[in-house]
Amino acid sequence: MPPEAKDLDLGYHSAFWSDLNSDGVDDLFFLSGYETYFSTFIYLGNTKSKQLRKIYHNKYVYSMVMDPENDKHPEFIDSSDSRDSVHCRNGFLPDIPDGLLSVILKEYENLVGDYSKANFTFSMPEHFSQFRLQVFNKIKIYRIEGERLKNVTSEYTEHLKWRINFLKKALEYNEDKCTVHINNVIGYIQSILDDKSHNITSAGSSPLRGRTSKPLRGLAAAAASVIRDETNRVIYCCCTCILFCSS
């Protein structure tokens, strides 16, 4: 039992063993909490020792494991929001009409892949997908690569767009206080999409991104310089004079 759960006299539950980083060794994903305390832990397995190493802990929510590509290298949805920041309607979550609950469930089923057993249902089949997807939170999507976490949120463009569309529909059913919160979340998600769009544009316009536009010097510059022709293609050529590297 992790120290955080032990201090609160809360046991762990929903333990799920699976190779989460594709290294051939099972890792441990489990939840801890009850009623007003929700926490998620991930421990990595080790081929050289029986000891597990904690790589992830969220003390606010039960994170969701998913594998929409069905490649057996799952991702998980994380939220750094505390529960209080989401409870904008007199201590309760924003309203969701019945028609939108089915929309959330469909998106959950599109994402979860073969990892539904890792995700706690709260014994509320009508609402668990809402809690798992954390639809009113500022989420991040992580993947474990090797022994580190990688933020891959921007890779899930279609899901981020789905979140924005869902939240815009939810705005129609909520009070002013929740409207402020929902709009903040929409702005957060849109900023991720905008950043990705900017990065793609930059990458497309500059094959040599990361290099400076300062003049090349020395024998290396004389041996190989890079110039761009009128059709925006990159031509590598040898020359005997010092040229500028145009990016």
Protein backbone atom coordinates (compact mmCIF):
# COMPACT_ATOMS: atom_id res chain seq x y z
CA MET A 1 0.00 0.00 0.00
CA PRO A 2 1.42 3.44 -0.91
CA PRO A 3 2.18 5.80 2.02
CA GLU A 4 -0.37 8.36 0.79
CA ALA A 5 -3.19 5.83 1.01
CA LYS A 6 -1.96 4.37 4.30
CA ASP A 7 -1.95 7.79 5.97
CA LEU A 8 -5.58 8.25 5.06
CA ASP A 9 -6.46 4.71 6.08
CA LEU A 10 -7.48 3.93 2.52
CA GLY A 11 -6.62 0.67 0.82
CA TYR A 12 -5.80 0.18 -2.82
CA HIS A 13 -8.18 -1.41 -5.30
CA SER A 14 -8.59 -2.17 -9.00
CA ALA A 15 -5.03 -3.44 -9.33
CA PHE A 16 -4.19 -4.12 -12.99
CA TRP A 17 -1.01 -5.83 -14.17
CA SER A 18 0.07 -5.14 -17.75
CA ASP A 19 3.16 -4.27 -19.76
CA LEU A 20 2.57 -0.51 -19.99
CA ASN A 21 5.86 0.46 -21.66
CA SER A 22 6.37 -2.49 -24.05
CA ASP A 23 9.57 -3.74 -22.43
CA GLY A 24 8.31 -7.27 -21.87
CA VAL A 25 7.83 -6.85 -18.11
CA ASP A 26 4.47 -6.42 -16.39
CA ASP A 27 3.85 -3.10 -14.65
CA LEU A 28 1.28 -2.26 -11.99
CA PHE A 29 -1.56 0.24 -12.38
CA PHE A 30 -3.87 0.65 -9.41
CA LEU A 31 -6.24 3.04 -7.67
CA SER A 32 -6.58 4.13 -4.08
CA GLY A 33 -9.40 6.01 -2.45
CA TYR A 34 -12.98 6.17 -1.35
CA GLU A 35 -15.81 8.74 -1.65
CA THR A 36 -13.93 12.09 -1.61
CA TYR A 37 -10.37 10.83 -2.11
CA PHE A 38 -9.24 9.50 -5.49
CA SER A 39 -5.69 8.58 -6.38
CA THR A 40 -3.91 6.71 -9.18
CA PHE A 41 -0.52 5.00 -9.10
CA ILE A 42 1.69 3.37 -11.72
CA TYR A 43 4.72 1.28 -10.78
CA LEU A 44 7.16 -0.09 -13.35
CA GLY A 45 8.38 -3.67 -13.23
CA ASN A 46 12.06 -4.52 -13.40
CA THR A 47 13.78 -7.50 -14.98
CA LYS A 48 16.82 -7.16 -12.69
CA SER A 49 14.99 -6.94 -9.37
CA LYS A 50 11.63 -7.74 -7.84
CA GLN A 51 11.21 -4.16 -6.66
CA LEU A 52 8.71 -1.91 -8.43
CA ARG A 53 9.48 1.75 -9.08
CA LYS A 54 6.79 4.42 -8.89
CA ILE A 55 6.67 6.46 -12.06
CA TYR A 56 3.29 8.16 -11.73
CA HIS A 57 0.92 9.36 -9.02
CA ASN A 58 -2.20 11.48 -9.41
CA LYS A 59 -3.75 12.41 -6.09
CA TYR A 60 -6.92 14.00 -7.49
CA VAL A 61 -8.59 11.57 -9.87
CA TYR A 62 -8.78 8.00 -11.07
CA SER A 63 -6.85 8.18 -14.34
CA MET A 64 -8.03 6.29 -17.39
CA VAL A 65 -6.01 3.68 -19.29
CA MET A 66 -6.70 3.57 -23.01
CA ASP A 67 -5.34 2.09 -26.23
CA PRO A 68 -7.23 3.49 -29.23
CA GLU A 69 -4.60 2.16 -31.67
CA ASN A 70 -4.83 -1.35 -30.17
CA ASP A 71 -1.04 -1.60 -30.26
CA LYS A 72 -0.75 -2.94 -26.68
CA HIS A 73 1.24 0.17 -25.70
CA PRO A 74 -1.45 2.07 -23.80
CA GLU A 75 -1.75 5.73 -22.93
CA PHE A 76 -3.57 7.21 -19.97
CA ILE A 77 -5.61 10.33 -19.41
CA ASP A 78 -4.31 12.44 -16.55
CA SER A 79 -5.81 15.50 -14.89
CA SER A 80 -3.92 17.88 -12.66
CA ASP A 81 -7.17 19.59 -11.68
CA SER A 82 -8.28 19.13 -8.10
CA ARG A 83 -11.86 17.96 -7.67
CA ASP A 84 -12.85 21.35 -6.25
CA SER A 85 -11.94 23.11 -9.49
CA VAL A 86 -14.45 20.95 -11.37
CA HIS A 87 -17.28 21.21 -8.84
CA CYS A 88 -18.70 24.52 -10.01
CA ARG A 89 -22.39 23.93 -9.28
CA ASN A 90 -22.91 24.05 -5.51
CA GLY A 91 -20.43 21.25 -4.92
CA PHE A 92 -21.55 19.13 -7.85
CA LEU A 93 -20.23 18.46 -11.31
CA PRO A 94 -21.63 20.44 -14.25
CA ASP A 95 -24.93 19.16 -15.62
CA ILE A 96 -24.92 16.63 -18.42
CA PRO A 97 -28.24 15.77 -20.07
CA ASP A 98 -28.99 12.13 -20.81
CA GLY A 99 -28.41 12.64 -24.52
CA LEU A 100 -24.80 13.67 -23.93
CA LEU A 101 -24.08 10.77 -21.60
CA SER A 102 -24.38 8.38 -24.53
CA VAL A 103 -21.98 10.58 -26.51
CA ILE A 104 -19.38 10.26 -23.72
CA LEU A 105 -19.83 6.49 -23.53
CA LYS A 106 -19.30 6.14 -27.28
CA GLU A 107 -16.05 8.12 -27.12
CA TYR A 108 -14.90 6.07 -24.13
CA GLU A 109 -15.49 2.85 -26.10
CA ASN A 110 -13.58 4.29 -29.08
CA LEU A 111 -10.54 4.99 -26.89
CA VAL A 112 -10.33 2.25 -24.28
CA GLY A 113 -9.32 -0.68 -26.50
CA ASP A 114 -8.67 -3.83 -24.44
CA TYR A 115 -8.07 -1.94 -21.19
CA SER A 116 -11.59 -1.57 -19.81
CA LYS A 117 -10.68 -3.85 -16.87
CA ALA A 118 -8.16 -1.26 -15.68
CA ASN A 119 -10.79 1.46 -15.40
CA PHE A 120 -13.01 1.74 -12.35
CA THR A 121 -16.75 1.99 -13.07
CA PHE A 122 -17.90 3.40 -9.69
CA SER A 123 -20.74 0.83 -9.98
CA MET A 124 -22.51 3.47 -12.06
CA PRO A 125 -22.59 2.23 -15.66
CA GLU A 126 -24.46 5.33 -16.85
CA HIS A 127 -21.88 7.77 -15.50
CA PHE A 128 -18.52 6.01 -15.16
CA SER A 129 -17.31 7.02 -18.64
CA GLN A 130 -17.86 10.66 -17.70
CA PHE A 131 -15.52 10.28 -14.73
CA ARG A 132 -13.00 8.22 -16.69
CA LEU A 133 -12.71 10.71 -19.54
CA GLN A 134 -12.65 13.64 -17.09
CA VAL A 135 -14.61 15.65 -19.63
CA PHE A 136 -14.64 18.85 -17.55
CA ASN A 137 -10.94 18.79 -16.67
CA LYS A 138 -7.79 20.18 -18.24
CA ILE A 139 -6.33 16.83 -19.18
CA LYS A 140 -3.01 15.55 -20.44
CA ILE A 141 -2.42 12.25 -22.21
CA TYR A 142 0.71 10.34 -21.27
CA ARG A 143 2.54 7.35 -22.66
CA ILE A 144 5.30 5.49 -20.83
CA GLU A 145 8.37 5.12 -23.02
CA GLY A 146 11.18 3.21 -21.41
CA GLU A 147 11.27 4.51 -17.86
CA ARG A 148 9.87 7.98 -18.45
CA LEU A 149 6.53 9.64 -19.07
CA LYS A 150 5.97 11.31 -22.41
CA ASN A 151 3.26 13.91 -22.91
CA VAL A 152 1.49 12.89 -26.13
CA THR A 153 -1.64 15.03 -25.73
CA SER A 154 -1.13 16.89 -29.00
CA GLU A 155 -1.04 13.59 -30.93
CA TYR A 156 -4.74 13.07 -30.22
CA THR A 157 -6.10 15.87 -32.38
CA GLU A 158 -9.46 14.24 -33.12
CA HIS A 159 -10.11 13.47 -29.47
CA LEU A 160 -9.23 17.04 -28.46
CA LYS A 161 -11.66 18.35 -31.07
CA TRP A 162 -14.28 15.95 -29.71
CA ARG A 163 -13.76 17.43 -26.24
CA ILE A 164 -14.25 20.97 -27.47
CA ASN A 165 -17.45 20.04 -29.34
CA PHE A 166 -18.77 18.20 -26.31
CA LEU A 167 -18.02 21.09 -23.93
CA LYS A 168 -19.71 23.58 -26.24
CA LYS A 169 -22.86 21.44 -26.13
CA ALA A 170 -22.58 21.18 -22.34
CA LEU A 171 -22.52 24.97 -22.07
CA GLU A 172 -26.18 25.02 -23.06
CA TYR A 173 -27.17 23.16 -19.88
CA ASN A 174 -25.10 24.87 -17.19
CA GLU A 175 -25.21 27.90 -14.94
CA ASP A 176 -22.98 30.98 -15.14
CA LYS A 177 -20.38 29.69 -12.68
CA CYS A 178 -19.96 26.44 -14.61
CA THR A 179 -19.89 28.38 -17.88
CA VAL A 180 -16.72 30.16 -16.77
CA HIS A 181 -15.05 26.87 -15.90
CA ILE A 182 -16.12 25.12 -19.10
CA ASN A 183 -14.91 28.01 -21.25
CA ASN A 184 -11.55 27.90 -19.47
CA VAL A 185 -11.21 24.21 -20.31
CA ILE A 186 -12.17 24.86 -23.94
CA GLY A 187 -9.50 27.56 -24.12
CA TYR A 188 -6.91 25.20 -22.65
CA ILE A 189 -7.65 22.46 -25.20
CA GLN A 190 -7.73 24.93 -28.09
CA SER A 191 -4.30 26.20 -27.08
CA ILE A 192 -2.90 22.68 -27.46
CA LEU A 193 -4.41 22.39 -30.94
CA ASP A 194 -3.10 25.83 -31.89
CA ASP A 195 0.41 24.98 -30.68
CA LYS A 196 0.43 21.78 -32.70
CA SER A 197 -0.78 23.61 -35.80
CA HIS A 198 1.98 26.18 -35.35
CA ASN A 199 4.62 23.48 -34.94
CA ILE A 200 3.44 21.64 -38.07
CA THR A 201 3.52 24.88 -40.07
CA SER A 202 7.00 25.67 -38.82
CA ALA A 203 8.23 22.17 -39.63
CA GLY A 204 6.78 22.32 -43.11
CA SER A 205 8.36 25.66 -43.93
CA SER A 206 11.79 24.91 -42.51
CA PRO A 207 13.36 21.48 -43.11
CA LEU A 208 16.44 22.73 -41.27
CA ARG A 209 14.58 23.84 -38.10
CA GLY A 210 16.84 23.94 -35.10
CA ARG A 211 19.78 25.32 -37.06
CA THR A 212 20.72 28.97 -36.92
CA SER A 213 20.87 31.41 -39.81
CA LYS A 214 24.38 32.50 -38.92
CA PRO A 215 27.05 32.14 -41.62
CA LEU A 216 28.84 28.80 -41.71
CA ARG A 217 32.56 28.97 -41.22
CA GLY A 218 35.59 26.77 -41.69
CA LEU A 219 36.23 23.68 -43.77
CA ALA A 220 32.81 22.22 -43.01
CA ALA A 221 31.17 25.19 -44.69
CA ALA A 222 33.43 24.90 -47.66
CA ALA A 223 32.75 21.17 -47.99
CA ALA A 224 28.98 21.25 -47.85
CA SER A 225 26.59 24.19 -47.87
CA VAL A 226 22.85 24.20 -48.09
CA ILE A 227 20.87 26.48 -50.35
CA ARG A 228 17.21 26.62 -51.27
CA ASP A 229 16.00 26.98 -54.84
CA GLU A 230 12.87 28.75 -56.10
CA THR A 231 10.71 25.64 -55.75
CA ASN A 232 11.49 25.45 -52.01
CA ARG A 233 13.46 22.24 -52.43
CA VAL A 234 16.63 21.70 -50.47
CA ILE A 235 19.74 21.09 -52.55
CA TYR A 236 22.94 19.75 -51.06
CA CYS A 237 26.02 20.71 -52.98
CA CYS A 238 29.73 20.89 -52.59
CA CYS A 239 31.42 24.17 -53.04
CA THR A 240 34.65 25.93 -52.31
CA CYS A 241 33.37 29.18 -50.92
CA ILE A 242 31.62 30.10 -47.68
CA LEU A 243 27.84 30.40 -48.10
CA PHE A 244 25.05 31.31 -45.74
CA CYS A 245 22.73 28.60 -44.54
CA SER A 246 19.20 29.80 -45.31
CA SER A 247 16.40 28.21 -43.30
